[in-house]
Structures are given as C-alpha cells and as structure tokens.
Amino acid sequence: MSSVDAASVVDFHCSPARRRTTVAVVTVGAAALLAGYAAAFDEPWWHALLRFGGIGLVSAAVMRWQLRRQPRLPLRLTEESLRLTGPDGTALTIDWTNVASAQVRGALDPRLVVRPRDPGQTRPPMRPGQWSTPGRGPYELVVPLTWMTPDRHVLRRELARRLPPT
C-alpha cells in the first residue's frame, strides 16, 4: 500500500484513555453531589447512596440496553466507502454514492447519523429496523461517538471531503 492509499483511509476507534478519564470525572462529580446532598440535608452519606444509587444503576442499565442494537465504533472511511461495525460485530459497508446523508450531531453526546439511499445496495444488504432504534427511521444508523479518537471535528472534515455534493 502506498502512502497515498494510507492517507485516504481514516480509522476512528474508541480511546480507552478518554473513557477512563470520563468515568473518573463522572464518578468524582457524582460523589461530590452525593456529599453535598448529604451535608445539605444532614443525612449520612450511605443513606443518600442507598436512596439514589439504585436510580443511577437502573438508568445506566437502560442506556446500555438501548445502545446494544446500534452500530458502534470502529468506523473506517475510505475513498470508496464508509464502513461501520454492527451490533454483533459484523461490518456494514456503504459506498459514498449510496449515502443519502451523514451528519455528526450533538456536543455532549456526539453521534454519527447515516441514512443510505438504497439499503439493498449496502454490503451486506440492510433489513428494515435491523440496526435502528425506536423513534428512528427503519434504515437510519446512529453511531455513538463517545470516547472516539481522532475527535468528531476530524470526522466532520472527512465527511465533508468525501460525501458527493448534493
């Protein structure tokens, strides 16, 4: 593979360092909120933990369950196609000429939203609702970009460069 070919392929994947940093910041923030609540209402911290810990665990489990059906990183952009990883680890390849839209949305919770023009022309062909989530179109793919490296600004720039003009 020549250096020109290597520059035309961009891989996006999860960064373990970004994930650990985010989890640490959220944990410290939740502990500070818990301590503030316990101090404000003159309650032992373990009572507050018992009261609110279950809510946090249930909401984390529901969010994880919702994200299971969505495509996920790694994500690969080549000169010919966009390649996503499906929920079961299979790859889905969409040629750039077959991409109806691809947008990076969200600031705190970034995600890539992709809609193919013809789902039958993807490799492998998509079935209705195969990877979509409730409230989305049957062929709309939503890829969470949390903890992605390189960052979403690089992804936006690469999408603008590779998508055919409308």
Protein backbone atom coordinates (compact mmCIF):
# COMPACT_ATOMS: atom_id res chain seq x y z
CA MET A 1 0.00 0.00 0.00
CA SER A 2 1.44 3.37 -0.96
CA SER A 3 1.49 6.42 1.26
CA VAL A 4 -1.25 7.99 -0.88
CA ASP A 5 -3.52 5.00 -0.16
CA ALA A 6 -2.70 5.11 3.55
CA ALA A 7 -3.65 8.79 3.74
CA SER A 8 -7.01 8.11 2.08
CA VAL A 9 -8.11 5.73 4.85
CA VAL A 10 -9.15 7.17 8.21
CA ASP A 11 -9.96 4.86 11.13
CA PHE A 12 -11.97 6.05 14.12
CA HIS A 13 -11.98 3.91 17.26
CA CYS A 14 -12.67 4.12 21.00
CA SER A 15 -9.91 5.58 23.12
CA PRO A 16 -9.52 3.74 26.46
CA ALA A 17 -7.73 6.77 27.94
CA ARG A 18 -10.64 9.10 27.08
CA ARG A 19 -13.09 6.57 28.52
CA ARG A 20 -11.18 6.21 31.79
CA THR A 21 -10.88 9.99 32.15
CA THR A 22 -14.61 10.47 31.55
CA VAL A 23 -15.57 7.73 34.00
CA ALA A 24 -13.24 9.22 36.64
CA VAL A 25 -14.67 12.74 36.19
CA VAL A 26 -18.27 11.47 36.34
CA THR A 27 -17.53 9.37 39.44
CA VAL A 28 -15.90 12.30 41.25
CA GLY A 29 -18.79 14.55 40.22
CA ALA A 30 -21.41 12.06 41.44
CA ALA A 31 -19.54 11.65 44.76
CA ALA A 32 -19.43 15.44 45.18
CA LEU A 33 -23.17 15.71 44.51
CA LEU A 34 -23.88 12.90 46.95
CA ALA A 35 -21.72 14.53 49.64
CA GLY A 36 -23.37 17.90 49.02
CA TYR A 37 -26.84 16.37 49.30
CA ALA A 38 -25.92 14.52 52.50
CA ALA A 39 -24.46 17.69 54.05
CA ALA A 40 -27.37 19.91 52.98
CA PHE A 41 -30.00 17.60 54.44
CA ASP A 42 -27.93 16.43 57.43
CA GLU A 43 -28.16 12.82 56.36
CA PRO A 44 -25.45 10.10 56.48
CA TRP A 45 -23.85 9.63 53.07
CA TRP A 46 -24.73 5.92 52.92
CA HIS A 47 -28.46 6.75 53.26
CA ALA A 48 -28.17 9.10 50.28
CA LEU A 49 -26.24 6.43 48.38
CA LEU A 50 -28.95 3.85 49.09
CA ARG A 51 -31.62 6.32 48.01
CA PHE A 52 -30.04 7.45 44.73
CA GLY A 53 -27.67 4.60 43.85
CA GLY A 54 -30.46 2.40 42.53
CA ILE A 55 -31.68 5.15 40.22
CA GLY A 56 -28.18 5.51 38.78
CA LEU A 57 -27.79 1.76 38.26
CA VAL A 58 -31.19 1.39 36.57
CA SER A 59 -30.61 4.35 34.25
CA ALA A 60 -27.14 3.03 33.31
CA ALA A 61 -28.61 -0.42 32.56
CA VAL A 62 -31.42 1.04 30.41
CA MET A 63 -28.97 3.19 28.45
CA ARG A 64 -26.68 0.21 27.86
CA TRP A 65 -29.63 -1.89 26.69
CA GLN A 66 -30.71 0.84 24.23
CA LEU A 67 -27.21 1.17 22.77
CA ARG A 68 -26.80 -2.57 22.18
CA ARG A 69 -28.72 -2.55 18.88
CA GLN A 70 -26.87 0.42 17.40
CA PRO A 71 -23.81 0.30 15.19
CA ARG A 72 -20.64 1.22 17.04
CA LEU A 73 -17.00 2.09 16.60
CA PRO A 74 -14.63 1.29 14.94
CA LEU A 75 -15.57 3.33 11.91
CA ARG A 76 -13.49 3.39 8.71
CA LEU A 77 -13.63 5.96 5.93
CA THR A 78 -12.01 5.07 2.62
CA GLU A 79 -12.14 6.86 -0.73
CA GLU A 80 -14.85 4.42 -1.90
CA SER A 81 -16.96 3.75 1.18
CA LEU A 82 -17.96 4.20 4.80
CA ARG A 83 -17.55 1.07 6.92
CA LEU A 84 -19.45 0.66 10.21
CA THR A 85 -19.30 -2.08 12.79
CA GLY A 86 -22.68 -3.59 13.61
CA PRO A 87 -24.06 -4.59 16.99
CA ASP A 88 -22.99 -8.21 16.53
CA GLY A 89 -19.51 -7.28 15.28
CA THR A 90 -20.31 -7.63 11.57
CA ALA A 91 -19.23 -4.90 9.18
CA LEU A 92 -21.61 -2.81 7.09
CA THR A 93 -20.14 -1.06 4.06
CA ILE A 94 -21.93 1.83 2.35
CA ASP A 95 -20.48 3.35 -0.81
CA TRP A 96 -20.27 7.14 -0.76
CA THR A 97 -22.60 7.34 -3.78
CA ASN A 98 -25.18 5.42 -1.72
CA VAL A 99 -25.07 7.74 1.33
CA ALA A 100 -28.19 9.94 1.42
CA SER A 101 -26.92 11.82 4.48
CA ALA A 102 -24.21 11.52 7.10
CA GLN A 103 -24.08 14.07 9.91
CA VAL A 104 -22.29 14.39 13.22
CA ARG A 105 -24.83 15.59 15.79
CA GLY A 106 -24.62 16.53 19.45
CA ALA A 107 -21.96 18.23 21.53
CA LEU A 108 -22.04 16.42 24.87
CA ASP A 109 -23.29 13.16 23.37
CA PRO A 110 -21.84 13.13 19.84
CA ARG A 111 -23.19 10.65 17.34
CA LEU A 112 -22.98 9.99 13.63
CA VAL A 113 -26.35 9.67 11.88
CA VAL A 114 -26.20 7.91 8.49
CA ARG A 115 -29.00 7.16 6.05
CA PRO A 116 -28.30 5.10 2.91
CA ARG A 117 -30.14 5.93 -0.33
CA ASP A 118 -30.75 2.28 -1.16
CA PRO A 119 -30.41 -0.13 1.80
CA GLY A 120 -30.31 -3.06 -0.63
CA GLN A 121 -27.04 -1.76 -2.10
CA THR A 122 -25.14 -1.84 1.20
CA ARG A 123 -22.82 -4.76 1.90
CA PRO A 124 -24.45 -6.84 3.35
CA PRO A 125 -27.94 -5.58 2.38
CA MET A 126 -29.79 -3.98 5.29
CA ARG A 127 -33.16 -5.22 6.53
CA PRO A 128 -35.78 -2.77 7.84
CA GLY A 129 -35.18 -1.96 11.51
CA GLN A 130 -32.05 -4.11 11.62
CA TRP A 131 -29.92 -1.53 13.47
CA SER A 132 -32.34 1.31 14.03
CA THR A 133 -33.57 2.37 17.43
CA PRO A 134 -37.16 3.28 18.42
CA GLY A 135 -38.18 6.69 17.11
CA ARG A 136 -35.80 6.50 14.12
CA GLY A 137 -36.38 5.57 10.50
CA PRO A 138 -36.10 1.86 9.62
CA TYR A 139 -32.77 2.40 7.84
CA GLU A 140 -31.27 5.23 9.90
CA LEU A 141 -27.98 4.29 11.56
CA VAL A 142 -26.90 6.12 14.72
CA VAL A 143 -23.30 5.55 15.79
CA PRO A 144 -22.32 6.84 19.26
CA LEU A 145 -19.01 8.68 19.04
CA THR A 146 -18.29 8.96 22.74
CA TRP A 147 -14.59 8.47 23.56
CA MET A 148 -13.71 8.43 19.84
CA THR A 149 -10.23 9.14 18.57
CA PRO A 150 -9.49 11.09 16.39
CA ASP A 151 -12.18 13.52 17.51
CA ARG A 152 -15.50 14.42 15.89
CA HIS A 153 -14.05 17.52 14.20
CA VAL A 154 -11.82 15.27 12.08
CA LEU A 155 -14.85 13.12 11.25
CA ARG A 156 -16.85 16.18 10.16
CA ARG A 157 -13.99 17.36 7.94
CA GLU A 158 -13.57 13.90 6.37
CA LEU A 159 -17.31 13.53 5.73
CA ALA A 160 -17.42 16.95 4.05
CA ARG A 161 -14.47 15.94 1.87
CA ARG A 162 -15.81 12.51 0.89
CA LEU A 163 -19.57 12.96 0.53
CA PRO A 164 -20.72 13.70 -3.00
CA PRO A 165 -22.17 17.20 -3.48
CA THR A 166 -25.96 17.35 -3.30
